[in-house]
Every structure is written in structure tokens, then in C-alpha cells.
Protein backbone atom coordinates (compact mmCIF):
# COMPACT_ATOMS: atom_id res chain seq x y z
CA UNK A 1 23.80 23.46 -0.22
CA UNK A 2 23.94 21.09 -3.20
CA UNK A 3 20.56 20.67 -4.84
CA UNK A 4 18.92 17.35 -4.01
CA UNK A 5 17.46 15.10 -6.69
CA UNK A 6 14.70 14.25 -4.23
CA UNK A 7 13.51 17.87 -4.35
CA UNK A 8 13.09 17.87 -8.13
CA UNK A 9 9.59 17.75 -9.68
CA UNK A 10 8.41 14.85 -11.81
CA UNK A 11 5.71 14.68 -14.48
CA UNK A 12 3.72 11.45 -14.81
CA UNK A 13 2.54 10.02 -18.16
CA UNK A 14 -1.00 11.37 -17.64
CA UNK A 15 0.41 14.90 -17.26
CA UNK A 16 0.07 15.19 -13.48
CA UNK A 17 3.04 16.85 -11.79
CA UNK A 18 4.57 15.77 -8.48
CA UNK A 19 6.44 18.64 -6.86
CA UNK A 20 9.21 16.35 -5.55
CA UNK A 21 10.23 12.70 -5.31
CA UNK A 22 9.10 12.04 -1.73
CA UNK A 23 6.34 9.43 -1.93
CA UNK A 24 4.37 8.84 1.25
CA UNK A 25 3.49 5.16 0.89
CA UNK A 26 0.22 3.66 2.09
CA UNK A 27 -0.17 2.91 5.79
CA UNK A 28 -3.44 1.59 7.14
CA UNK A 29 -4.98 4.27 9.37
CA UNK A 30 -7.71 2.00 10.86
CA UNK A 31 -9.55 5.12 12.06
CA UNK A 32 -13.05 4.56 10.67
CA UNK A 33 -15.99 3.33 12.68
CA UNK A 34 -17.98 0.20 11.97
CA UNK A 35 -19.88 1.95 9.19
CA UNK A 36 -16.72 2.58 7.16
CA UNK A 37 -17.39 6.32 6.88
CA UNK A 38 -14.53 8.80 6.70
CA UNK A 39 -13.49 10.01 10.19
CA UNK A 40 -13.27 13.52 8.78
CA UNK A 41 -11.58 15.55 11.53
CA UNK A 42 -8.96 12.88 12.21
CA UNK A 43 -8.19 12.38 8.52
CA UNK A 44 -7.91 16.13 8.00
CA UNK A 45 -5.33 16.38 10.80
CA UNK A 46 -3.39 13.30 9.67
CA UNK A 47 -3.28 14.07 5.96
CA UNK A 48 -2.89 17.77 6.57
CA UNK A 49 0.28 16.96 8.55
CA UNK A 50 1.71 14.98 5.65
CA UNK A 51 0.77 17.64 3.11
CA UNK A 52 2.31 20.38 5.26
CA UNK A 53 5.30 18.07 5.79
CA UNK A 54 6.32 18.39 2.16
CA UNK A 55 5.74 15.03 0.48
CA UNK A 56 5.16 15.35 -3.27
CA UNK A 57 2.91 12.28 -3.45
CA UNK A 58 0.70 11.02 -0.63
CA UNK A 59 -0.95 7.60 -0.95
CA UNK A 60 -3.79 6.83 1.43
CA UNK A 61 -4.19 3.70 3.48
CA UNK A 62 -6.24 1.06 1.72
CA UNK A 63 -9.84 2.02 1.06
CA UNK A 64 -12.21 -0.91 0.62
CA UNK A 65 -14.40 -1.03 -2.49
CA UNK A 66 -17.02 -3.29 -0.86
CA UNK A 67 -18.26 -3.08 2.73
CA UNK A 68 -18.85 -6.85 2.66
CA UNK A 69 -15.09 -7.37 2.23
CA UNK A 70 -13.03 -5.71 4.97
CA UNK A 71 -9.39 -6.37 5.71
CA UNK A 72 -9.25 -5.00 9.26
CA UNK A 73 -11.26 -3.01 11.82
CA UNK A 74 -11.38 0.68 10.98
CA UNK A 75 -11.20 0.40 7.18
CA UNK A 76 -12.75 3.25 5.22
CA UNK A 77 -15.18 2.03 2.56
CA UNK A 78 -15.99 3.76 -0.74
CA UNK A 79 -18.70 2.04 -2.76
CA UNK A 80 -21.14 4.89 -3.45
CA UNK A 81 -21.54 8.67 -3.12
CA UNK A 82 -23.21 8.63 0.31
CA UNK A 83 -20.11 10.01 2.09
CA UNK A 84 -18.92 12.30 -0.69
CA UNK A 85 -18.52 15.34 1.56
CA UNK A 86 -16.30 13.40 3.96
CA UNK A 87 -14.08 12.23 1.13
CA UNK A 88 -13.98 15.76 -0.30
CA UNK A 89 -12.75 17.22 2.99
CA UNK A 90 -10.14 14.48 3.23
CA UNK A 91 -9.00 15.27 -0.31
CA UNK A 92 -8.70 19.00 0.37
CA UNK A 93 -6.53 18.37 3.44
CA UNK A 94 -4.26 15.91 1.64
CA UNK A 95 -3.79 18.11 -1.43
CA UNK A 96 -2.66 21.17 0.50
CA UNK A 97 0.63 22.73 -0.61
CA UNK A 98 0.23 21.23 -4.08
CA UNK A 99 0.63 17.61 -2.96
CA UNK A 100 -0.59 14.75 -5.11
CA UNK A 101 -3.11 12.62 -3.16
CA UNK A 102 -3.81 9.12 -4.45
CA UNK A 103 -6.45 6.88 -2.92
CA UNK A 104 -5.34 3.27 -2.56
CA UNK A 105 -8.22 0.99 -3.57
CA UNK A 106 -8.37 -2.55 -2.28
CA UNK A 107 -10.36 -5.74 -2.01
CA UNK A 108 -8.91 -8.25 0.48
CA UNK A 109 -10.17 -11.43 -1.18
CA UNK A 110 -9.53 -14.26 1.25
CA UNK A 111 -7.19 -12.11 3.35
CA UNK A 112 -10.25 -10.91 5.24
CA UNK A 113 -10.61 -11.79 8.95
CA UNK A 114 -13.47 -14.17 9.72
CA UNK A 115 -14.73 -12.00 12.58
CA UNK A 116 -15.30 -9.06 10.20
CA UNK A 117 -16.81 -10.76 7.17
CA UNK A 118 -19.77 -13.07 6.73
CA UNK A 119 -18.09 -14.69 3.74
CA UNK A 120 -14.71 -14.56 2.04
CA UNK A 121 -14.05 -15.00 -1.66
CA UNK A 122 -10.96 -15.52 -3.78
CA UNK A 123 -9.90 -16.69 -7.23
CA UNK A 124 -9.86 -20.28 -5.94
CA UNK A 125 -11.13 -22.09 -2.85
CA UNK A 126 -7.69 -22.51 -1.30
CA UNK A 127 -7.23 -21.95 2.41
CA UNK A 128 -4.26 -20.67 4.35
CA UNK A 129 -1.71 -22.55 6.40
CA UNK A 130 -2.73 -23.92 9.79
CA UNK A 131 -1.08 -20.93 11.48
CA UNK A 132 -3.36 -18.47 9.67
CA UNK A 133 -6.58 -20.51 9.56
CA UNK A 134 -7.52 -19.26 13.01
CA UNK A 135 -8.02 -15.81 11.47
CA UNK A 136 -8.84 -16.43 7.80
CA UNK A 137 -11.40 -19.01 6.68
CA UNK A 138 -11.15 -21.03 3.49
CA UNK A 139 -12.71 -18.84 0.77
CA UNK A 140 -15.32 -19.54 -1.84
CA UNK A 141 -14.13 -19.34 -5.46
CA UNK A 142 -15.54 -16.37 -7.35
CA UNK A 143 -17.78 -16.87 -10.35
CA UNK A 144 -17.03 -15.12 -13.62
CA UNK A 145 -19.93 -12.71 -13.09
CA UNK A 146 -18.67 -11.88 -9.59
CA UNK A 147 -15.20 -11.15 -10.94
CA UNK A 148 -16.67 -8.71 -13.46
CA UNK A 149 -18.73 -7.08 -10.69
CA UNK A 150 -15.61 -6.54 -8.54
CA UNK A 151 -13.79 -4.98 -11.49
CA UNK A 152 -16.72 -2.59 -11.88
CA UNK A 153 -16.55 -1.77 -8.16
CA UNK A 154 -12.91 -0.74 -8.49
CA UNK A 155 -13.86 1.58 -11.36
CA UNK A 156 -16.85 3.04 -9.53
CA UNK A 157 -14.81 3.78 -6.41
CA UNK A 158 -12.10 5.42 -8.54
CA UNK A 159 -14.63 7.64 -10.29
CA UNK A 160 -16.09 8.78 -6.95
CA UNK A 161 -12.57 9.44 -5.64
CA UNK A 162 -11.97 11.69 -8.63
CA UNK A 163 -15.27 13.49 -8.02
CA UNK A 164 -14.29 14.01 -4.38
CA UNK A 165 -11.03 15.71 -5.43
CA UNK A 166 -8.36 13.04 -5.14
CA UNK A 167 -5.51 13.43 -7.65
CA UNK A 168 -5.46 9.76 -8.52
CA UNK A 169 -5.86 6.19 -7.32
CA UNK A 170 -3.50 3.34 -6.65
CA UNK A 171 -4.67 -0.24 -7.22
CA UNK A 172 -3.41 -2.40 -4.36
CA UNK A 173 -1.96 -5.37 -6.21
CA UNK A 174 0.50 -6.49 -3.53
CA UNK A 175 0.77 -8.10 -0.08
CA UNK A 176 -1.58 -11.02 -0.67
CA UNK A 177 -4.84 -9.13 -1.25
CA UNK A 178 -7.26 -10.00 -4.07
CA UNK A 179 -5.31 -8.62 -7.06
CA UNK A 180 -2.20 -10.32 -5.69
CA UNK A 181 -4.16 -13.56 -5.23
CA UNK A 182 -5.16 -13.55 -8.90
CA UNK A 183 -1.52 -13.10 -9.92
CA UNK A 184 -0.23 -15.95 -7.76
CA UNK A 185 -0.13 -19.54 -9.09
CA UNK A 186 -0.23 -20.66 -5.44
CA UNK A 187 -3.59 -19.01 -4.79
CA UNK A 188 -5.11 -18.99 -8.28
CA UNK A 189 -5.60 -22.45 -9.80
CA UNK A 190 -8.52 -21.53 -12.02
CA UNK A 191 -8.80 -23.09 -15.45
CA UNK A 192 -10.83 -20.36 -17.14
CA UNK A 193 -9.84 -16.99 -18.61
CA UNK A 194 -8.82 -15.73 -15.14
CA UNK A 195 -6.27 -18.42 -14.29
CA UNK A 196 -3.86 -21.06 -15.45
CA UNK A 197 -1.33 -19.27 -17.64
CA UNK A 198 0.61 -16.25 -16.44
CA UNK A 199 -1.22 -14.18 -19.06
CA UNK A 200 -4.61 -15.25 -17.71
CA UNK A 201 -3.58 -14.66 -14.10
CA UNK A 202 -2.64 -11.06 -14.88
CA UNK A 203 -5.95 -10.47 -16.69
CA UNK A 204 -7.75 -9.36 -13.52
CA UNK A 205 -5.17 -6.65 -12.72
CA UNK A 206 -5.21 -5.39 -16.30
CA UNK A 207 -9.01 -5.34 -16.48
CA UNK A 208 -9.20 -3.39 -13.20
CA UNK A 209 -6.78 -0.84 -14.65
CA UNK A 210 -8.67 -0.58 -17.93
CA UNK A 211 -12.04 -0.17 -16.22
CA UNK A 212 -10.70 2.63 -14.03
CA UNK A 213 -9.06 4.39 -16.95
CA UNK A 214 -12.28 4.13 -18.95
CA UNK A 215 -14.31 5.80 -16.19
CA UNK A 216 -11.75 8.35 -15.01
CA UNK A 217 -10.09 9.51 -18.24
CA UNK A 218 -6.55 9.90 -19.47
CA UNK A 219 -5.67 12.89 -17.27
CA UNK A 220 -6.27 11.13 -13.93
CA UNK A 221 -3.44 9.28 -12.17
CA UNK A 222 -3.92 5.51 -12.13
CA UNK A 223 -1.08 3.72 -10.36
CA UNK A 224 -0.54 0.22 -9.00
CA UNK A 225 1.33 -1.34 -6.10
CA UNK A 226 2.85 -4.71 -7.07
CA UNK A 227 4.91 -7.38 -5.40
CA UNK A 228 8.36 -7.97 -6.79
CA UNK A 229 7.64 -11.52 -5.60
CA UNK A 230 5.53 -13.28 -2.95
CA UNK A 231 8.59 -14.95 -1.35
CA UNK A 232 6.62 -18.19 -1.06
CA UNK A 233 7.30 -21.55 -2.67
CA UNK A 234 5.02 -21.87 -5.68
CA UNK A 235 4.01 -18.22 -5.51
CA UNK A 236 4.32 -15.15 -7.73
CA UNK A 237 7.91 -14.83 -8.99
CA UNK A 238 10.15 -11.93 -10.00
CA UNK A 239 9.99 -12.88 -13.66
CA UNK A 240 6.19 -12.97 -13.54
CA UNK A 241 6.15 -9.59 -11.81
CA UNK A 242 8.36 -8.09 -14.51
CA UNK A 243 5.96 -9.41 -17.15
CA UNK A 244 2.99 -7.82 -15.36
CA UNK A 245 4.82 -4.49 -15.13
CA UNK A 246 5.59 -4.65 -18.85
CA UNK A 247 1.93 -5.37 -19.65
CA UNK A 248 0.61 -2.56 -17.44
CA UNK A 249 3.19 -0.18 -18.88
CA UNK A 250 1.88 -0.94 -22.37
CA UNK A 251 -1.67 -0.40 -21.10
CA UNK A 252 -0.69 3.09 -19.88
CA UNK A 253 -0.26 2.81 -16.10
CA UNK A 254 1.13 6.02 -14.59
CA UNK A 255 3.32 4.61 -11.82
CA UNK A 256 4.29 1.23 -10.38
CA UNK A 257 5.18 1.07 -6.69
CA UNK A 258 7.41 -1.93 -6.00
CA UNK A 259 6.92 -3.91 -2.81
CA UNK A 260 6.95 -7.60 -1.94
CA UNK A 261 5.65 -10.38 0.26
CA UNK A 262 2.34 -11.29 1.85
CA UNK A 263 1.21 -11.61 5.43
CA UNK A 264 2.39 -15.23 5.25
CA UNK A 265 5.87 -14.02 4.26
CA UNK A 266 6.17 -10.38 5.33
CA UNK A 267 9.00 -9.13 3.14
CA UNK A 268 7.34 -5.68 2.99
CA UNK A 269 7.95 -5.36 6.74
CA UNK A 270 11.65 -5.99 6.30
CA UNK A 271 11.38 -9.58 7.55
CA UNK A 272 14.75 -11.26 7.05
CA UNK A 273 13.05 -14.64 7.43
CA UNK A 274 10.73 -13.91 4.51
CA UNK A 275 13.31 -12.30 2.25
CA UNK A 276 16.95 -12.21 3.39
CA UNK A 277 18.65 -9.05 2.15
CA UNK A 278 21.89 -9.13 0.19
CA UNK A 279 24.77 -6.97 1.33
CA UNK A 280 24.22 -4.82 -1.75
CA UNK A 281 20.57 -4.27 -0.81
CA UNK A 282 21.51 -3.35 2.74
CA UNK A 283 24.10 -0.89 1.47
CA UNK A 284 21.49 0.69 -0.80
CA UNK A 285 18.96 0.71 2.09
CA UNK A 286 15.82 -0.22 0.13
CA UNK A 287 14.45 -3.75 0.36
CA UNK A 288 13.40 -3.99 -3.30
CA UNK A 289 15.90 -1.75 -5.07
CA UNK A 290 17.62 -4.59 -6.93
CA UNK A 291 14.32 -5.71 -8.42
CA UNK A 292 13.52 -2.11 -9.38
CA UNK A 293 16.83 -1.99 -11.26
CA UNK A 294 15.72 -5.04 -13.27
CA UNK A 295 12.35 -3.44 -13.96
CA UNK A 296 13.98 -0.19 -15.08
CA UNK A 297 16.00 -2.12 -17.67
CA UNK A 298 12.74 -3.35 -19.23
CA UNK A 299 10.27 -0.46 -18.89
CA UNK A 300 10.30 3.33 -18.78
CA UNK A 301 7.15 3.59 -16.65
CA UNK A 302 7.69 5.68 -13.48
CA UNK A 303 8.70 3.55 -10.50
CA UNK A 304 8.44 4.05 -6.75
CA UNK A 305 10.36 1.86 -4.32
CA UNK A 306 9.14 1.59 -0.74
CA UNK A 307 10.80 -0.05 2.24
CA UNK A 308 14.09 0.61 3.99
CA UNK A 309 15.05 4.18 3.07
CA UNK A 310 16.33 6.00 6.15
CA UNK A 311 19.07 8.42 5.02
CA UNK A 312 19.45 11.23 2.54
CA UNK A 313 22.53 9.50 1.12
CA UNK A 314 20.53 6.34 0.42
CA UNK A 315 17.69 8.31 -1.15
CA UNK A 316 19.95 10.37 -3.38
CA UNK A 317 21.97 7.34 -4.47
CA UNK A 318 18.81 5.46 -5.52
CA UNK A 319 17.60 8.40 -7.58
CA UNK A 320 21.03 9.00 -9.14
CA UNK A 321 21.29 5.33 -10.11
CA UNK A 322 18.00 5.62 -11.97
CA UNK A 323 16.53 2.58 -10.22
CA UNK A 324 13.51 4.56 -9.04
CA UNK A 325 11.76 7.86 -9.71
CA UNK A 326 10.08 8.16 -6.31
CA UNK A 327 11.28 7.35 -2.80
CA UNK A 328 8.56 5.50 -0.91
CA UNK A 329 8.49 6.31 2.81
CA UNK A 330 6.12 4.83 5.37
CA UNK A 331 7.47 4.41 8.91
CA UNK A 332 9.72 7.50 8.66
CA UNK A 333 6.64 9.64 7.97
CA UNK A 334 4.67 8.00 10.76
CA UNK A 335 7.05 9.37 13.37
CA UNK A 336 8.23 12.48 11.46
CA UNK A 337 5.52 13.66 9.06
CA UNK A 338 7.60 16.73 8.16
CA UNK A 339 10.79 14.82 7.35
CA UNK A 340 10.68 15.64 3.58
CA UNK A 341 10.57 19.39 4.31
CA UNK A 342 13.40 19.15 6.82
CA UNK A 343 15.51 17.13 4.38
CA UNK A 344 14.97 19.66 1.59
CA UNK A 345 15.87 22.50 3.98
CA UNK A 346 19.09 20.72 4.91
CA UNK A 347 17.99 20.20 8.53
CA UNK A 348 18.07 16.38 8.57
CA UNK A 349 20.21 13.67 7.00
CA UNK A 350 18.65 10.62 8.66
CA UNK A 351 15.18 9.51 9.70
CA UNK A 352 14.45 8.90 13.37
CA UNK A 353 12.56 5.69 12.51
CA UNK A 354 14.16 2.64 14.11
CA UNK A 355 13.35 -1.08 14.30
CA UNK A 356 11.23 -2.10 17.28
CA UNK A 357 12.28 -5.50 18.65
CA UNK A 358 10.96 -7.55 21.58
CA UNK A 359 13.50 -10.35 21.58
CA UNK A 360 10.64 -12.80 21.02
CA UNK A 361 11.28 -14.56 17.71
CA UNK A 362 7.62 -15.16 16.83
CA UNK A 363 6.74 -11.46 17.03
CA UNK A 364 9.98 -10.02 15.67
CA UNK A 365 10.06 -12.20 12.54
CA UNK A 366 6.62 -10.87 11.67
CA UNK A 367 7.48 -7.26 12.63
CA UNK A 368 4.25 -7.14 14.65
CA UNK A 369 5.39 -4.82 17.51
CA UNK A 370 7.03 -2.49 15.00
CA UNK A 371 3.91 -2.34 12.86
CA UNK A 372 1.78 -1.71 15.95
CA UNK A 373 4.04 1.11 17.15
CA UNK A 374 3.98 2.99 13.87
CA UNK A 375 0.22 2.55 13.47
CA UNK A 376 -0.15 4.07 16.94
CA UNK A 377 1.75 7.15 15.75
CA UNK A 378 -0.82 7.67 13.00
CA UNK A 379 -3.52 7.72 15.66
CA UNK A 380 -1.52 10.25 17.69
CA UNK A 381 -1.17 12.59 14.71
CA UNK A 382 -4.86 12.17 13.86
CA UNK A 383 -5.73 13.14 17.42
CA UNK A 384 -3.58 16.26 17.33
CA UNK A 385 -0.73 14.81 19.42
CA UNK A 386 2.95 14.78 18.55
CA UNK A 387 4.14 11.38 17.31
CA UNK A 388 6.79 9.46 19.22
CA UNK A 389 10.01 8.44 17.50
CA UNK A 390 10.94 5.43 19.63
CA UNK A 391 9.69 2.88 22.14
CA UNK A 392 10.74 -0.39 23.73
CA UNK A 393 9.74 -3.71 22.24
CA UNK A 394 7.91 -4.71 25.43
CA UNK A 395 5.84 -1.53 25.43
CA UNK A 396 5.01 -1.91 21.73
CA UNK A 397 3.90 -5.49 22.37
CA UNK A 398 1.68 -4.38 25.24
CA UNK A 399 0.11 -1.62 23.16
CA UNK A 400 -0.47 -4.10 20.33
CA UNK A 401 -2.22 -6.47 22.74
CA UNK A 402 -4.44 -3.72 24.14
CA UNK A 403 -5.46 -2.57 20.67
CA UNK A 404 -6.22 -6.15 19.60
CA UNK A 405 -8.44 -6.63 22.65
CA UNK A 406 -10.19 -3.32 21.97
CA UNK A 407 -11.05 -4.30 18.39
CA UNK A 408 -11.73 -7.98 19.06
CA UNK A 409 -15.42 -7.39 19.58
CA UNK A 410 -15.95 -5.77 16.19
CA UNK A 411 -19.03 -7.34 14.68
CA UNK A 412 -18.99 -9.39 11.52
CA UNK A 413 -20.49 -7.68 8.49
CA UNK A 414 -23.45 -9.17 6.69
């Protein structure tokens, strides 16, 4: 069998070595209880399955840096050392078979449901559209001191993650969360050092990176997930994203994962409404591969592209073209956690992951049933059950509704 590029190792700028190019992208597990503590046994099973499944890099679902700022029920929170043993057991499971395990750190900013949070904060006091106001309240603008305190929280959480045994961290700077809000001229209209010019709007992301690097050292992986664009009028653009990538590359970032969109315009879910795909993009499978090609022409920093990869041919072509160094996989590894191993053994050429459609435009444009189905497979793996590879749209919609009702009574945090 011809050797696959995807099976080749890769060394990151900090010296860390990924054993192959399969990059398990973040998927929200939503498995924690109301206290935000690590659900140890379930995380050990889930991340053990991915480690045994052969991925070279495994990125966790988003871990909150402040229990007063939660993005959804079941978020794990890391703000102090009180649950260090739980995080250590999680790290040991995820690093089995020499896998890299990076903790994704996040603050939701104003993208924090009102029923879970006593207050929401953001760069500016700008609310969402009428459609989203039922879930997300208009936030309070952060003070300068509060911004500095959040930066310090990111660094503290990263340092504890390192102590617990994680290989690295990934700053969640995409999908409309706080870092993304600072970058966006639509959501950040500040007139101080944190807003206004593109340079000021990227200051928060750069200061988070620098604070983490200062606390964790030069030999610890510090990566970032960034939008290629927000796909919203007046929002973060491709050219601005390229400038941020260039700045972070100069600062010393180890890897940039390219994504796109927000929950107002869900390009990261493959929404054609949010970001129509060109024929070239469809042929190359990945949603953001054309942007990655532009980024590669401007920086040498390692890149990961997530979204759309389903075949070995598509994966190998992207790596051969040099557009990306890592192949980000989410939904394929929700239903087949061992797909990387089977690909490298020559046992599979195509993922079993398929779109889940209901025929109802409102739900399908937002990829809600599909997202619900794949999240349910994470719960199955965590509970020791075999994941499913397909379902009907109607069943996925019903399961989504049941889960929403189950979590609707989650109490707001003080």
C-alpha cells in the first residue's frame, strides 16, 4: 500500500511531535454536572476511544475558564486546582498511544444562554438579532480591569491544564465566543485600546496568547482556533483574519485551526445559507480549504483545517497541496472514533458520517438535527455503547427536543 501523507509525523514550533496528521477537532461533550467538574469515568471512556482510535492530535470540547460564564449545560469548568485529579485522569486517557491532547479554553462572552448565567459580558453592549434575543440577553460592556482579569483566567487555566498532564491548549477564537467578539467590528465598537482599529481589536487575542505562553513556557503547545470570516455583514473579514494569523505567527503560536462562522451564521456546520461553497471547495471537500491556501501563502505557521473532510482522497489531496498540515475531523470521529487507525491500515477510504436532514428549512439551515445526532454519539461512547453511524432527520429532531427539555431546567449560575 502506498504510504499516506496523513500517517506522517509532524513537529510543532515548540518541539512537540504529533504522530500523524489526523486532528480530532473540538466537539462539545456537555457531560459535566451543574458544578462543572470533570465526569471522570465518561471522559476516560470517550477520550480513551479517540486515543486508541489513532488520532495524532485530540482537542477537547470547550472548557470554560469562569464558572460564571457558561456556554451550555454540561460545560466543564477549569478555574482553579480543586478538580486536578479529575483533569489528570482525563489527560492520561486522552494521551494514550502517544496522542497529543490539547484542552480548548473558552469564554462565551455574550454567547452565553440567559438561563445559565446571572450576567453576560462582552466587548460592547450590543445585543443579538430578534431571533436570538430569546436565548441571549444584551450584554454589559467589560471594563479594562475586567478584560485584564479574563486574560489572566485564560493563563491560569492553561497552567493548571499543563500541571494536569495535557500536552497543550487551544484558545477558542472562533464561532462568535468572546475572543471572536473582540475581533469583530460588528460586536466590538470600543474606542479604547481594545477596539476601533483592526490592530486594537486583535489585541485581546494576542494578550491571551502571550499570558498563556508566559505562564506555560516555550515547550508547551499553545494553539488557536480562528474564523476565516464571520460570514456576517459588517463582521470579521478574511483579510482581517489573515492579519491576525500573521500577528499570532510572529508572536510564536504553534498551530492555527481554521474554521468560520458564528451561531448567527453557522458556516462551521456546513450551512450553505451562511457560506455557500464554491465548486472548487466542494471538490476539495473542506469548507475552509481555499482560505487556508491564502493563509499558507502568507505564513509558515502550522495549519489545521476542519469541516467537510470525508474521504482519504480528499485528505491526501489537501496535504499534498500544502494547504494544511493537519486534517481536522469532528463528526467522522463522533460516529467512528477509530477511523484514523482504519484509514492508516488501509481498511477504509470514506467516513460513514452523513448529513442529517429533516426537510424542515429552519432546522436544516442551522444544522441543528445533525449537530444533535453527533453530540448524542459522544454520549453513547462515553457510556460504553457503540456509536451509531446514521439516523433519520425526524428521529434526530425528536432526540434534540428531548435533550433540550431535559436540560431546560438547569439553574442559572450566580
